[in-house]
């Protein structure tokens, strides 16, 4: 199941997504595709408000939308650390995510 909404005001896009993965299949374990517009500025942070059944055990989960793309790259830590892992393979069968972000186009 996937539900998403966006509102575009001028050059700013507000996005909320609820993604529940039944089976990943040939999909990505670390990238969510399909933002409504291409991101124009530096990486925009993604807020993860809820997650369940992550493919890996995580201590902290977030993400970012990189400029020139319409995708979200998931990031995470698996323990208390000073550096976050880019491209964390957190999406698996049964993963449930509620995320939001604001970005410029």
Protein backbone atom coordinates (compact mmCIF):
# COMPACT_ATOMS: atom_id res chain seq x y z
CA UNK A 1 0.00 0.00 0.00
CA UNK A 2 1.26 3.43 -0.76
CA UNK A 3 -0.37 6.71 0.02
CA UNK A 4 1.13 10.08 -0.67
CA UNK A 5 0.09 13.67 -0.83
CA UNK A 6 1.84 16.80 -1.86
CA UNK A 7 1.13 20.50 -1.94
CA UNK A 8 3.18 22.81 -4.15
CA UNK A 9 3.29 26.46 -3.14
CA UNK A 10 5.49 28.48 -5.45
CA UNK A 11 8.80 26.66 -5.70
CA UNK A 12 8.32 24.69 -2.45
CA UNK A 13 6.83 21.17 -2.30
CA UNK A 14 5.42 19.64 0.91
CA UNK A 15 5.20 15.82 0.77
CA UNK A 16 3.80 13.16 3.11
CA UNK A 17 4.10 9.45 2.32
CA UNK A 18 2.83 6.28 3.96
CA UNK A 19 4.47 3.23 2.42
CA UNK A 20 3.72 -0.35 3.40
CA UNK A 21 5.71 -2.89 1.41
CA UNK A 22 4.20 -6.32 0.86
CA UNK A 23 7.09 -7.72 -1.23
CA UNK A 24 10.14 -5.78 -2.43
CA UNK A 25 10.55 -7.96 -5.53
CA UNK A 26 12.83 -6.09 -7.94
CA UNK A 27 12.39 -2.81 -6.04
CA UNK A 28 15.10 -1.01 -4.13
CA UNK A 29 15.91 -1.65 -0.48
CA UNK A 30 17.27 1.87 0.07
CA UNK A 31 15.58 4.25 -2.42
CA UNK A 32 11.99 5.45 -2.69
CA UNK A 33 11.19 6.73 -6.19
CA UNK A 34 8.43 8.93 -7.50
CA UNK A 35 8.54 12.36 -5.87
CA UNK A 36 6.15 14.63 -7.79
CA UNK A 37 8.89 17.07 -8.93
CA UNK A 38 12.67 17.04 -9.32
CA UNK A 39 14.57 18.43 -6.32
CA UNK A 40 16.50 21.58 -7.26
CA UNK A 41 18.52 22.46 -4.16
CA UNK A 42 21.06 20.75 -1.95
CA UNK A 43 19.98 17.51 -0.27
CA UNK A 44 16.68 17.96 1.57
CA UNK A 45 16.25 16.03 4.80
CA UNK A 46 13.45 13.50 5.18
CA UNK A 47 11.68 13.02 8.49
CA UNK A 48 10.64 9.49 9.42
CA UNK A 49 7.74 9.76 11.84
CA UNK A 50 7.06 6.03 12.08
CA UNK A 51 8.67 2.80 10.96
CA UNK A 52 8.06 -0.89 11.54
CA UNK A 53 9.55 -4.12 10.22
CA UNK A 54 12.72 -2.52 8.87
CA UNK A 55 14.88 -4.94 6.87
CA UNK A 56 17.73 -4.24 9.31
CA UNK A 57 17.73 -3.31 12.99
CA UNK A 58 18.19 0.44 13.19
CA UNK A 59 18.96 2.86 15.97
CA UNK A 60 18.02 5.94 13.92
CA UNK A 61 16.26 6.18 10.55
CA UNK A 62 15.97 9.14 8.18
CA UNK A 63 16.66 10.01 4.57
CA UNK A 64 17.30 12.76 2.05
CA UNK A 65 16.16 13.82 -1.40
CA UNK A 66 19.21 14.76 -3.48
CA UNK A 67 19.24 17.62 -5.99
CA UNK A 68 18.53 16.67 -9.59
CA UNK A 69 16.50 13.60 -8.58
CA UNK A 70 12.95 12.71 -7.68
CA UNK A 71 13.98 10.02 -5.21
CA UNK A 72 14.51 9.60 -1.48
CA UNK A 73 17.69 7.88 -0.28
CA UNK A 74 17.23 6.20 3.09
CA UNK A 75 19.87 6.71 5.77
CA UNK A 76 20.26 5.00 9.13
CA UNK A 77 22.49 4.04 12.00
CA UNK A 78 22.49 0.62 13.59
CA UNK A 79 24.09 1.80 16.85
CA UNK A 80 25.01 5.01 18.62
CA UNK A 81 27.59 6.51 16.26
CA UNK A 82 28.94 9.80 14.97
CA UNK A 83 28.22 9.05 11.29
CA UNK A 84 25.04 8.03 9.52
CA UNK A 85 25.07 5.38 6.77
CA UNK A 86 23.92 6.62 3.37
CA UNK A 87 21.98 4.12 1.28
CA UNK A 88 20.89 2.01 4.25
CA UNK A 89 19.02 -1.10 3.05
CA UNK A 90 16.06 -0.65 5.39
CA UNK A 91 13.18 -1.45 3.01
CA UNK A 92 12.18 -5.10 2.97
CA UNK A 93 9.12 -7.30 2.86
CA UNK A 94 6.63 -5.93 5.38
CA UNK A 95 8.39 -2.60 5.98
CA UNK A 96 6.01 0.20 7.00
CA UNK A 97 7.12 3.85 6.80
CA UNK A 98 5.50 7.23 7.42
CA UNK A 99 7.70 10.03 6.14
CA UNK A 100 7.54 13.72 5.25
CA UNK A 101 9.74 16.28 3.57
CA UNK A 102 9.80 19.77 2.15
CA UNK A 103 11.92 20.60 -0.86
CA UNK A 104 12.46 23.25 -3.55
CA UNK A 105 11.89 22.82 -7.28
